[in-house]
N, C-alpha and C. Protein backbone atom coordinates (compact mmCIF):
# COMPACT_ATOMS: atom_id res chain seq x y z
N MET A 1 5.36 26.60 -3.43
CA MET A 1 5.66 25.39 -2.67
C MET A 1 4.49 25.08 -1.75
N MET A 2 4.16 23.81 -1.64
CA MET A 2 3.07 23.40 -0.77
C MET A 2 3.44 23.63 0.69
N GLU A 3 2.52 24.20 1.43
CA GLU A 3 2.77 24.43 2.86
C GLU A 3 2.57 23.15 3.66
N THR A 4 1.53 22.37 3.34
CA THR A 4 1.27 21.12 4.04
C THR A 4 0.98 20.03 3.02
N ILE A 5 1.30 18.82 3.40
CA ILE A 5 1.04 17.66 2.55
C ILE A 5 -0.30 17.06 2.99
N GLU A 6 -1.22 16.96 2.06
CA GLU A 6 -2.53 16.39 2.35
C GLU A 6 -2.90 15.39 1.26
N ARG A 7 -3.46 14.26 1.64
CA ARG A 7 -3.86 13.24 0.71
C ARG A 7 -4.86 13.78 -0.31
N ASP A 8 -5.86 14.52 0.15
CA ASP A 8 -6.91 15.01 -0.74
C ASP A 8 -6.37 15.94 -1.82
N GLY A 9 -5.31 16.69 -1.50
CA GLY A 9 -4.70 17.56 -2.49
C GLY A 9 -4.13 16.76 -3.65
N PHE A 10 -3.48 15.64 -3.35
CA PHE A 10 -2.97 14.77 -4.41
C PHE A 10 -4.11 14.06 -5.13
N ALA A 11 -5.11 13.59 -4.38
CA ALA A 11 -6.22 12.86 -5.00
C ALA A 11 -6.92 13.70 -6.06
N ALA A 12 -6.99 15.01 -5.83
CA ALA A 12 -7.63 15.91 -6.78
C ALA A 12 -6.83 16.04 -8.07
N GLU A 13 -5.57 15.62 -8.05
CA GLU A 13 -4.69 15.79 -9.22
C GLU A 13 -4.36 14.48 -9.94
N VAL A 14 -5.03 13.38 -9.58
CA VAL A 14 -4.80 12.12 -10.29
C VAL A 14 -5.08 12.32 -11.77
N GLY A 15 -4.16 11.82 -12.59
CA GLY A 15 -4.29 11.94 -14.03
C GLY A 15 -3.56 13.14 -14.62
N THR A 16 -3.02 13.99 -13.75
CA THR A 16 -2.32 15.17 -14.25
C THR A 16 -0.81 14.94 -14.26
N GLY A 17 -0.10 15.81 -14.98
CA GLY A 17 1.34 15.68 -15.13
C GLY A 17 2.11 16.54 -14.15
N PHE A 18 3.25 16.03 -13.73
CA PHE A 18 4.21 16.72 -12.90
C PHE A 18 5.53 16.70 -13.66
N ILE A 19 6.29 17.76 -13.61
CA ILE A 19 7.61 17.78 -14.22
C ILE A 19 8.63 17.35 -13.17
N LEU A 20 9.31 16.24 -13.44
CA LEU A 20 10.36 15.74 -12.56
C LEU A 20 11.68 16.28 -13.07
N ASN A 21 12.39 16.98 -12.21
CA ASN A 21 13.69 17.55 -12.56
C ASN A 21 14.78 16.61 -12.07
N ALA A 22 15.41 15.91 -13.01
CA ALA A 22 16.41 14.89 -12.70
C ALA A 22 17.81 15.47 -12.79
N ALA A 23 18.78 14.65 -12.44
CA ALA A 23 20.19 15.06 -12.47
C ALA A 23 20.61 15.44 -13.88
N GLY A 24 21.60 16.29 -13.96
CA GLY A 24 22.15 16.69 -15.24
C GLY A 24 21.26 17.62 -16.04
N GLY A 25 20.29 18.24 -15.38
CA GLY A 25 19.41 19.17 -16.06
C GLY A 25 18.32 18.53 -16.89
N HIS A 26 18.18 17.20 -16.80
CA HIS A 26 17.13 16.52 -17.53
C HIS A 26 15.81 16.64 -16.78
N SER A 27 14.75 16.78 -17.52
CA SER A 27 13.43 16.79 -16.91
C SER A 27 12.49 15.96 -17.77
N VAL A 28 11.46 15.44 -17.13
CA VAL A 28 10.49 14.59 -17.82
C VAL A 28 9.14 14.78 -17.14
N GLU A 29 8.08 14.67 -17.92
CA GLU A 29 6.75 14.73 -17.34
C GLU A 29 6.35 13.33 -16.87
N ILE A 30 5.96 13.25 -15.61
CA ILE A 30 5.45 12.00 -15.05
C ILE A 30 3.99 12.23 -14.68
N LYS A 31 3.19 11.18 -14.70
CA LYS A 31 1.75 11.31 -14.48
C LYS A 31 1.37 10.68 -13.15
N LEU A 32 0.63 11.41 -12.33
CA LEU A 32 0.12 10.87 -11.07
C LEU A 32 -1.01 9.91 -11.39
N VAL A 33 -0.85 8.62 -11.04
CA VAL A 33 -1.85 7.61 -11.43
C VAL A 33 -2.62 7.03 -10.25
N THR A 34 -2.06 7.07 -9.05
CA THR A 34 -2.74 6.47 -7.91
C THR A 34 -2.46 7.23 -6.63
N VAL A 35 -3.48 7.38 -5.82
CA VAL A 35 -3.35 7.89 -4.45
C VAL A 35 -4.05 6.89 -3.56
N SER A 36 -3.33 6.32 -2.60
CA SER A 36 -3.92 5.30 -1.72
C SER A 36 -4.92 5.93 -0.75
N GLU A 37 -5.68 5.07 -0.13
CA GLU A 37 -6.58 5.52 0.93
C GLU A 37 -5.75 6.00 2.12
N LEU A 38 -6.30 6.90 2.89
CA LEU A 38 -5.65 7.40 4.09
C LEU A 38 -5.77 6.36 5.19
N LYS A 39 -4.63 6.00 5.79
CA LYS A 39 -4.62 5.07 6.92
C LYS A 39 -4.38 5.89 8.17
N GLU A 40 -5.27 5.78 9.13
CA GLU A 40 -5.13 6.57 10.36
C GLU A 40 -4.85 5.67 11.54
N ARG A 41 -3.86 6.08 12.33
CA ARG A 41 -3.47 5.40 13.55
C ARG A 41 -3.46 6.44 14.66
N PRO A 42 -3.36 6.02 15.91
CA PRO A 42 -3.38 7.01 16.99
C PRO A 42 -2.29 8.09 16.88
N SER A 43 -1.12 7.74 16.35
CA SER A 43 -0.03 8.71 16.33
C SER A 43 0.32 9.23 14.94
N ASN A 44 -0.26 8.64 13.88
CA ASN A 44 0.07 9.14 12.55
C ASN A 44 -1.01 8.79 11.52
N ARG A 45 -0.91 9.49 10.39
CA ARG A 45 -1.72 9.20 9.21
C ARG A 45 -0.75 8.91 8.08
N SER A 46 -1.12 7.98 7.19
CA SER A 46 -0.21 7.69 6.09
C SER A 46 -0.99 7.43 4.80
N PHE A 47 -0.31 7.70 3.68
CA PHE A 47 -0.84 7.39 2.36
C PHE A 47 0.33 7.35 1.40
N SER A 48 0.09 6.83 0.21
CA SER A 48 1.14 6.80 -0.80
C SER A 48 0.58 7.29 -2.13
N ILE A 49 1.49 7.74 -2.98
CA ILE A 49 1.13 8.17 -4.33
C ILE A 49 2.04 7.45 -5.31
N VAL A 50 1.51 7.18 -6.51
CA VAL A 50 2.28 6.48 -7.53
C VAL A 50 2.22 7.29 -8.83
N PHE A 51 3.39 7.44 -9.44
CA PHE A 51 3.53 8.13 -10.73
C PHE A 51 3.91 7.14 -11.81
N GLN A 52 3.45 7.40 -13.03
CA GLN A 52 3.88 6.65 -14.21
C GLN A 52 4.97 7.45 -14.91
N VAL A 53 6.08 6.79 -15.23
CA VAL A 53 7.22 7.41 -15.90
C VAL A 53 7.20 6.96 -17.37
N PRO A 54 7.52 7.84 -18.30
CA PRO A 54 7.54 7.44 -19.71
C PRO A 54 8.52 6.29 -19.97
N ASP A 55 8.20 5.45 -20.93
CA ASP A 55 9.11 4.36 -21.34
C ASP A 55 10.47 4.94 -21.70
N GLY A 56 11.52 4.23 -21.31
CA GLY A 56 12.87 4.63 -21.68
C GLY A 56 13.51 5.65 -20.75
N PHE A 57 12.78 6.16 -19.77
CA PHE A 57 13.34 7.12 -18.83
C PHE A 57 13.53 6.41 -17.49
N THR A 58 14.76 6.30 -17.05
CA THR A 58 15.08 5.60 -15.81
C THR A 58 15.27 6.60 -14.68
N VAL A 59 14.62 6.34 -13.57
CA VAL A 59 14.75 7.19 -12.38
C VAL A 59 15.18 6.30 -11.22
N GLU A 60 16.27 6.68 -10.59
CA GLU A 60 16.74 5.94 -9.42
C GLU A 60 16.08 6.48 -8.16
N GLN A 61 16.08 5.66 -7.12
CA GLN A 61 15.55 6.09 -5.82
C GLN A 61 16.27 7.34 -5.36
N GLY A 62 15.51 8.32 -4.89
CA GLY A 62 16.14 9.52 -4.39
C GLY A 62 15.17 10.67 -4.22
N LEU A 63 15.71 11.79 -3.82
CA LEU A 63 14.96 13.02 -3.58
C LEU A 63 14.93 13.84 -4.87
N TYR A 64 13.73 14.21 -5.31
CA TYR A 64 13.56 14.93 -6.58
C TYR A 64 12.67 16.14 -6.40
N ASP A 65 12.95 17.17 -7.19
CA ASP A 65 12.07 18.33 -7.29
C ASP A 65 11.05 18.06 -8.37
N LEU A 66 9.79 18.33 -8.06
CA LEU A 66 8.71 18.19 -9.04
C LEU A 66 7.96 19.51 -9.10
N ASP A 67 7.50 19.84 -10.29
CA ASP A 67 6.70 21.05 -10.49
C ASP A 67 5.34 20.64 -11.02
N HIS A 68 4.31 21.30 -10.49
CA HIS A 68 2.94 21.04 -10.92
C HIS A 68 2.21 22.37 -11.08
N GLU A 69 1.37 22.42 -12.06
CA GLU A 69 0.66 23.67 -12.38
C GLU A 69 -0.11 24.24 -11.19
N ARG A 70 -0.83 23.40 -10.46
CA ARG A 70 -1.64 23.90 -9.34
C ARG A 70 -0.99 23.69 -7.97
N MET A 71 -0.22 22.62 -7.82
CA MET A 71 0.37 22.31 -6.51
C MET A 71 1.70 23.03 -6.28
N GLY A 72 2.28 23.57 -7.34
CA GLY A 72 3.54 24.28 -7.20
C GLY A 72 4.73 23.34 -7.20
N THR A 73 5.79 23.73 -6.49
CA THR A 73 7.01 22.94 -6.43
C THR A 73 6.99 22.04 -5.21
N LEU A 74 7.33 20.78 -5.41
CA LEU A 74 7.38 19.79 -4.34
C LEU A 74 8.75 19.13 -4.36
N GLN A 75 9.22 18.69 -3.23
CA GLN A 75 10.42 17.88 -3.16
C GLN A 75 10.00 16.56 -2.51
N LEU A 76 10.08 15.48 -3.30
CA LEU A 76 9.61 14.18 -2.84
C LEU A 76 10.70 13.13 -2.96
N PHE A 77 10.68 12.19 -2.01
CA PHE A 77 11.55 11.02 -2.09
C PHE A 77 10.79 9.98 -2.89
N LEU A 78 11.33 9.59 -4.05
CA LEU A 78 10.67 8.66 -4.96
C LEU A 78 11.44 7.35 -5.03
N VAL A 79 10.67 6.25 -5.07
CA VAL A 79 11.25 4.91 -5.13
C VAL A 79 10.65 4.18 -6.33
N PRO A 80 11.50 3.61 -7.21
CA PRO A 80 10.97 2.81 -8.31
C PRO A 80 10.25 1.58 -7.76
N VAL A 81 9.05 1.30 -8.29
CA VAL A 81 8.27 0.15 -7.84
C VAL A 81 7.89 -0.76 -9.01
N GLY A 82 8.63 -0.68 -10.10
CA GLY A 82 8.41 -1.56 -11.24
C GLY A 82 7.50 -0.97 -12.28
N ASP A 83 7.59 -1.51 -13.49
CA ASP A 83 6.73 -1.11 -14.61
C ASP A 83 6.70 0.40 -14.82
N ASN A 84 7.87 1.03 -14.80
CA ASN A 84 7.97 2.48 -15.02
C ASN A 84 7.13 3.29 -14.04
N ARG A 85 7.12 2.86 -12.80
CA ARG A 85 6.35 3.56 -11.77
C ARG A 85 7.26 3.97 -10.63
N LEU A 86 6.90 5.10 -10.02
CA LEU A 86 7.60 5.63 -8.85
C LEU A 86 6.59 5.84 -7.74
N GLU A 87 7.00 5.56 -6.52
CA GLU A 87 6.10 5.72 -5.37
C GLU A 87 6.73 6.64 -4.35
N SER A 88 5.87 7.43 -3.70
CA SER A 88 6.27 8.24 -2.56
C SER A 88 5.29 7.94 -1.43
N VAL A 89 5.82 7.69 -0.24
CA VAL A 89 5.00 7.34 0.93
C VAL A 89 5.08 8.48 1.93
N PHE A 90 3.94 8.85 2.47
CA PHE A 90 3.85 9.94 3.45
C PHE A 90 3.38 9.38 4.79
N ASN A 91 4.15 9.65 5.84
CA ASN A 91 3.78 9.32 7.21
C ASN A 91 3.73 10.63 7.97
N LEU A 92 2.54 11.04 8.30
CA LEU A 92 2.32 12.35 8.93
C LEU A 92 2.00 12.16 10.40
N LEU A 93 2.84 12.73 11.26
CA LEU A 93 2.65 12.60 12.70
C LEU A 93 1.45 13.42 13.15
N ILE A 94 0.73 12.90 14.12
CA ILE A 94 -0.40 13.59 14.72
C ILE A 94 0.04 14.10 16.08
N ASP A 95 -0.20 15.37 16.33
CA ASP A 95 0.15 15.96 17.64
C ASP A 95 -0.83 15.42 18.67
N THR A 96 -0.32 14.62 19.60
CA THR A 96 -1.17 14.02 20.63
C THR A 96 -1.08 14.75 21.97
N ALA A 97 -0.38 15.89 21.98
CA ALA A 97 -0.25 16.67 23.21
C ALA A 97 -1.59 17.30 23.60
N ASP A 98 -1.87 17.26 24.87
CA ASP A 98 -3.12 17.90 25.37
C ASP A 98 -2.94 19.40 25.40
N GLY A 99 -4.04 20.10 25.10
CA GLY A 99 -4.02 21.54 25.25
C GLY A 99 -3.72 22.22 24.02
């Protein structure tokens, strides 16, 4: 399991497959196709990733377990964004405390 979520970790895996474990014991390989640029603000950093889903496989919005050869097991909230694509958005808080 990934200890921390980092944009560069996903960017290094664009074009590779992840196994999405869906309800009812069904699983399908989805392909990471896009990683957005990192947006930095004073209190947070954000980026998104987009997966391509095979034709004929429907995935509803929700929390899913994914397995990847190098990244290990991930649990991501995925949202359908059209054309057999799923998106996950990351908003990472920045610790602004002094000291």
